[in-house]
Amino acid sequence: MNQKIIHFNSMEELKDKIERQVSELENKIELHSKLIGDKIREGEKDNSEELS
């Protein structure tokens, strides 16, 4: 794991950095969730066509 030390001049800078990182993670989670949901729906669609 890549480790680095980041220095902040204030608690506000630290807070802003953490909030940006959380926001980026939330966006990645949302994107991956959507992609997984699409794959699941495609699989369900294929299965229902096979049963017809």
PDB file of N, CA and C in Angstrom:
ATOM      1  N   MET A   1       0.843  -1.172   0.000  1.00  0.00           N
ATOM      2  CA  MET A   1       0.000   0.000   0.000  1.00  0.00           C
ATOM      3  C   MET A   1       0.887   1.234   0.000  1.00  0.00           C
ATOM      4  N   ASN A   2       0.514   2.193  -0.815  1.00  0.00           N
ATOM      5  CA  ASN A   2       1.279   3.427  -0.908  1.00  0.00           C
ATOM      6  C   ASN A   2       0.950   4.335   0.274  1.00  0.00           C
ATOM      7  N   GLN A   3       1.954   4.670   1.034  1.00  0.00           N
ATOM      8  CA  GLN A   3       1.745   5.531   2.196  1.00  0.00           C
ATOM      9  C   GLN A   3       2.414   6.866   1.950  1.00  0.00           C
ATOM     10  N   LYS A   4       1.703   7.935   2.268  1.00  0.00           N
ATOM     11  CA  LYS A   4       2.308   9.251   2.184  1.00  0.00           C
ATOM     12  C   LYS A   4       1.755  10.124   3.295  1.00  0.00           C
ATOM     13  N   ILE A   5       2.545  11.083   3.668  1.00  0.00           N
ATOM     14  CA  ILE A   5       2.159  11.998   4.735  1.00  0.00           C
ATOM     15  C   ILE A   5       1.705  13.298   4.088  1.00  0.00           C
ATOM     16  N   ILE A   6       0.535  13.747   4.472  1.00  0.00           N
ATOM     17  CA  ILE A   6      -0.001  15.002   3.959  1.00  0.00           C
ATOM     18  C   ILE A   6      -0.116  15.969   5.132  1.00  0.00           C
ATOM     19  N   HIS A   7       0.395  17.154   4.938  1.00  0.00           N
ATOM     20  CA  HIS A   7       0.315  18.181   5.976  1.00  0.00           C
ATOM     21  C   HIS A   7      -0.789  19.169   5.619  1.00  0.00           C
ATOM     22  N   PHE A   8      -1.551  19.557   6.603  1.00  0.00           N
ATOM     23  CA  PHE A   8      -2.619  20.532   6.421  1.00  0.00           C
ATOM     24  C   PHE A   8      -2.333  21.732   7.305  1.00  0.00           C
ATOM     25  N   ASN A   9      -2.657  22.905   6.784  1.00  0.00           N
ATOM     26  CA  ASN A   9      -2.412  24.136   7.536  1.00  0.00           C
ATOM     27  C   ASN A   9      -3.515  24.432   8.541  1.00  0.00           C
ATOM     28  N   SER A  10      -4.651  23.793   8.355  1.00  0.00           N
ATOM     29  CA  SER A  10      -5.756  24.030   9.285  1.00  0.00           C
ATOM     30  C   SER A  10      -6.677  22.812   9.308  1.00  0.00           C
ATOM     31  N   MET A  11      -7.507  22.773  10.310  1.00  0.00           N
ATOM     32  CA  MET A  11      -8.503  21.702  10.401  1.00  0.00           C
ATOM     33  C   MET A  11      -9.506  21.821   9.255  1.00  0.00           C
ATOM     34  N   GLU A  12      -9.770  23.041   8.820  1.00  0.00           N
ATOM     35  CA  GLU A  12     -10.701  23.263   7.716  1.00  0.00           C
ATOM     36  C   GLU A  12     -10.183  22.616   6.425  1.00  0.00           C
ATOM     37  N   GLU A  13      -8.887  22.728   6.166  1.00  0.00           N
ATOM     38  CA  GLU A  13      -8.294  22.071   4.999  1.00  0.00           C
ATOM     39  C   GLU A  13      -8.442  20.556   5.090  1.00  0.00           C
ATOM     40  N   LEU A  14      -8.192  20.018   6.267  1.00  0.00           N
ATOM     41  CA  LEU A  14      -8.342  18.578   6.478  1.00  0.00           C
ATOM     42  C   LEU A  14      -9.785  18.157   6.242  1.00  0.00           C
ATOM     43  N   LYS A  15     -10.708  18.909   6.798  1.00  0.00           N
ATOM     44  CA  LYS A  15     -12.133  18.616   6.648  1.00  0.00           C
ATOM     45  C   LYS A  15     -12.539  18.654   5.175  1.00  0.00           C
ATOM     46  N   ASP A  16     -12.092  19.666   4.449  1.00  0.00           N
ATOM     47  CA  ASP A  16     -12.419  19.779   3.028  1.00  0.00           C
ATOM     48  C   ASP A  16     -11.873  18.596   2.234  1.00  0.00           C
ATOM     49  N   LYS A  17     -10.647  18.208   2.533  1.00  0.00           N
ATOM     50  CA  LYS A  17     -10.018  17.071   1.841  1.00  0.00           C
ATOM     51  C   LYS A  17     -10.812  15.786   2.089  1.00  0.00           C
ATOM     52  N   ILE A  18     -11.183  15.563   3.332  1.00  0.00           N
ATOM     53  CA  ILE A  18     -11.951  14.361   3.684  1.00  0.00           C
ATOM     54  C   ILE A  18     -13.309  14.381   2.991  1.00  0.00           C
ATOM     55  N   GLU A  19     -13.965  15.537   2.981  1.00  0.00           N
ATOM     56  CA  GLU A  19     -15.274  15.636   2.335  1.00  0.00           C
ATOM     57  C   GLU A  19     -15.176  15.361   0.836  1.00  0.00           C
ATOM     58  N   ARG A  20     -14.128  15.849   0.187  1.00  0.00           N
ATOM     59  CA  ARG A  20     -13.935  15.584  -1.243  1.00  0.00           C
ATOM     60  C   ARG A  20     -13.715  14.096  -1.489  1.00  0.00           C
ATOM     61  N   GLN A  21     -12.904  13.466  -0.645  1.00  0.00           N
ATOM     62  CA  GLN A  21     -12.639  12.039  -0.815  1.00  0.00           C
ATOM     63  C   GLN A  21     -13.902  11.211  -0.588  1.00  0.00           C
ATOM     64  N   VAL A  22     -14.685  11.578   0.402  1.00  0.00           N
ATOM     65  CA  VAL A  22     -15.944  10.870   0.666  1.00  0.00           C
ATOM     66  C   VAL A  22     -16.874  11.026  -0.533  1.00  0.00           C
ATOM     67  N   SER A  23     -16.941  12.227  -1.078  1.00  0.00           N
ATOM     68  CA  SER A  23     -17.790  12.476  -2.239  1.00  0.00           C
ATOM     69  C   SER A  23     -17.340  11.641  -3.437  1.00  0.00           C
ATOM     70  N   GLU A  24     -16.034  11.565  -3.665  1.00  0.00           N
ATOM     71  CA  GLU A  24     -15.509  10.745  -4.757  1.00  0.00           C
ATOM     72  C   GLU A  24     -15.870   9.277  -4.555  1.00  0.00           C
ATOM     73  N   LEU A  25     -15.740   8.789  -3.333  1.00  0.00           N
ATOM     74  CA  LEU A  25     -16.091   7.393  -3.049  1.00  0.00           C
ATOM     75  C   LEU A  25     -17.578   7.141  -3.251  1.00  0.00           C
ATOM     76  N   GLU A  26     -18.414   8.087  -2.827  1.00  0.00           N
ATOM     77  CA  GLU A  26     -19.853   7.936  -3.015  1.00  0.00           C
ATOM     78  C   GLU A  26     -20.191   7.861  -4.502  1.00  0.00           C
ATOM     79  N   ASN A  27     -19.530   8.690  -5.310  1.00  0.00           N
ATOM     80  CA  ASN A  27     -19.770   8.662  -6.756  1.00  0.00           C
ATOM     81  C   ASN A  27     -19.347   7.326  -7.357  1.00  0.00           C
ATOM     82  N   LYS A  28     -18.205   6.796  -6.927  1.00  0.00           N
ATOM     83  CA  LYS A  28     -17.744   5.499  -7.425  1.00  0.00           C
ATOM     84  C   LYS A  28     -18.708   4.394  -7.018  1.00  0.00           C
ATOM     85  N   ILE A  29     -19.173   4.436  -5.774  1.00  0.00           N
ATOM     86  CA  ILE A  29     -20.121   3.430  -5.289  1.00  0.00           C
ATOM     87  C   ILE A  29     -21.405   3.484  -6.105  1.00  0.00           C
ATOM     88  N   GLU A  30     -21.901   4.688  -6.353  1.00  0.00           N
ATOM     89  CA  GLU A  30     -23.134   4.853  -7.124  1.00  0.00           C
ATOM     90  C   GLU A  30     -22.965   4.310  -8.549  1.00  0.00           C
ATOM     91  N   LEU A  31     -21.835   4.625  -9.171  1.00  0.00           N
ATOM     92  CA  LEU A  31     -21.570   4.142 -10.525  1.00  0.00           C
ATOM     93  C   LEU A  31     -21.496   2.620 -10.554  1.00  0.00           C
ATOM     94  N   HIS A  32     -20.749   2.036  -9.638  1.00  0.00           N
ATOM     95  CA  HIS A  32     -20.606   0.573  -9.606  1.00  0.00           C
ATOM     96  C   HIS A  32     -21.939  -0.095  -9.289  1.00  0.00           C
ATOM     97  N   SER A  33     -22.714   0.497  -8.403  1.00  0.00           N
ATOM     98  CA  SER A  33     -24.022  -0.057  -8.067  1.00  0.00           C
ATOM     99  C   SER A  33     -24.926  -0.069  -9.298  1.00  0.00           C
ATOM    100  N   LYS A  34     -24.885   1.025 -10.064  1.00  0.00           N
ATOM    101  CA  LYS A  34     -25.693   1.099 -11.278  1.00  0.00           C
ATOM    102  C   LYS A  34     -25.242   0.044 -12.284  1.00  0.00           C
ATOM    103  N   LEU A  35     -23.937  -0.093 -12.467  1.00  0.00           N
ATOM    104  CA  LEU A  35     -23.423  -1.087 -13.413  1.00  0.00           C
ATOM    105  C   LEU A  35     -23.812  -2.503 -13.002  1.00  0.00           C
ATOM    106  N   ILE A  36     -23.697  -2.803 -11.716  1.00  0.00           N
ATOM    107  CA  ILE A  36     -24.067  -4.132 -11.220  1.00  0.00           C
ATOM    108  C   ILE A  36     -25.565  -4.361 -11.403  1.00  0.00           C
ATOM    109  N   GLY A  37     -26.363  -3.342 -11.088  1.00  0.00           N
ATOM    110  CA  GLY A  37     -27.808  -3.454 -11.274  1.00  0.00           C
ATOM    111  C   GLY A  37     -28.173  -3.720 -12.718  1.00  0.00           C
ATOM    112  N   ASP A  38     -27.502  -3.012 -13.636  1.00  0.00           N
ATOM    113  CA  ASP A  38     -27.753  -3.232 -15.065  1.00  0.00           C
ATOM    114  C   ASP A  38     -27.411  -4.666 -15.463  1.00  0.00           C
ATOM    115  N   LYS A  39     -26.284  -5.176 -14.973  1.00  0.00           N
ATOM    116  CA  LYS A  39     -25.877  -6.553 -15.290  1.00  0.00           C
ATOM    117  C   LYS A  39     -26.897  -7.555 -14.751  1.00  0.00           C
ATOM    118  N   ILE A  40     -27.379  -7.322 -13.537  1.00  0.00           N
ATOM    119  CA  ILE A  40     -28.366  -8.228 -12.940  1.00  0.00           C
ATOM    120  C   ILE A  40     -29.650  -8.207 -13.763  1.00  0.00           C
ATOM    121  N   ARG A  41     -30.107  -7.006 -14.140  1.00  0.00           N
ATOM    122  CA  ARG A  41     -31.335  -6.907 -14.932  1.00  0.00           C
ATOM    123  C   ARG A  41     -31.169  -7.581 -16.293  1.00  0.00           C
ATOM    124  N   GLU A  42     -29.989  -7.433 -16.905  1.00  0.00           N
ATOM    125  CA  GLU A  42     -29.734  -8.107 -18.183  1.00  0.00           C
ATOM    126  C   GLU A  42     -29.816  -9.621 -18.004  1.00  0.00           C
ATOM    127  N   GLY A  43     -29.247 -10.121 -16.921  1.00  0.00           N
ATOM    128  CA  GLY A  43     -29.287 -11.553 -16.645  1.00  0.00           C
ATOM    129  C   GLY A  43     -30.697 -12.041 -16.420  1.00  0.00           C
ATOM    130  N   GLU A  44     -31.501 -11.266 -15.702  1.00  0.00           N
ATOM    131  CA  GLU A  44     -32.890 -11.648 -15.460  1.00  0.00           C
ATOM    132  C   GLU A  44     -33.675 -11.640 -16.762  1.00  0.00           C
ATOM    133  N   LYS A  45     -33.402 -10.673 -17.621  1.00  0.00           N
ATOM    134  CA  LYS A  45     -34.086 -10.587 -18.915  1.00  0.00           C
ATOM    135  C   LYS A  45     -33.742 -11.806 -19.765  1.00  0.00           C
ATOM    136  N   ASP A  46     -32.460 -12.174 -19.799  1.00  0.00           N
ATOM    137  CA  ASP A  46     -32.035 -13.348 -20.563  1.00  0.00           C
ATOM    138  C   ASP A  46     -32.689 -14.613 -20.025  1.00  0.00           C
ATOM    139  N   ASN A  47     -32.767 -14.748 -18.705  1.00  0.00           N
ATOM    140  CA  ASN A  47     -33.373 -15.938 -18.097  1.00  0.00           C
ATOM    141  C   ASN A  47     -34.856 -16.028 -18.421  1.00  0.00           C
ATOM    142  N   SER A  48     -35.568 -14.901 -18.384  1.00  0.00           N
ATOM    143  CA  SER A  48     -37.004 -14.942 -18.654  1.00  0.00           C
ATOM    144  C   SER A  48     -37.266 -15.276 -20.118  1.00  0.00           C
ATOM    145  N   GLU A  49     -36.384 -14.841 -21.031  1.00  0.00           N
ATOM    146  CA  GLU A  49     -36.547 -15.181 -22.443  1.00  0.00           C
ATOM    147  C   GLU A  49     -36.307 -16.671 -22.666  1.00  0.00           C
ATOM    148  N   GLU A  50     -35.367 -17.253 -21.932  1.00  0.00           N
ATOM    149  CA  GLU A  50     -35.081 -18.679 -22.067  1.00  0.00           C
ATOM    150  C   GLU A  50     -36.255 -19.520 -21.579  1.00  0.00           C
ATOM    151  N   LEU A  51     -36.966 -19.046 -20.558  1.00  0.00           N
ATOM    152  CA  LEU A  51     -38.083 -19.800 -20.001  1.00  0.00           C
ATOM    153  C   LEU A  51     -39.327 -19.700 -20.871  1.00  0.00           C
ATOM    154  N   SER A  52     -39.392 -18.729 -21.756  1.00  0.00           N
ATOM    155  CA  SER A  52     -40.573 -18.533 -22.614  1.00  0.00           C
ATOM    156  C   SER A  52     -40.660 -19.566 -23.702  1.00  0.00           C
TER     157      SER A  52
END
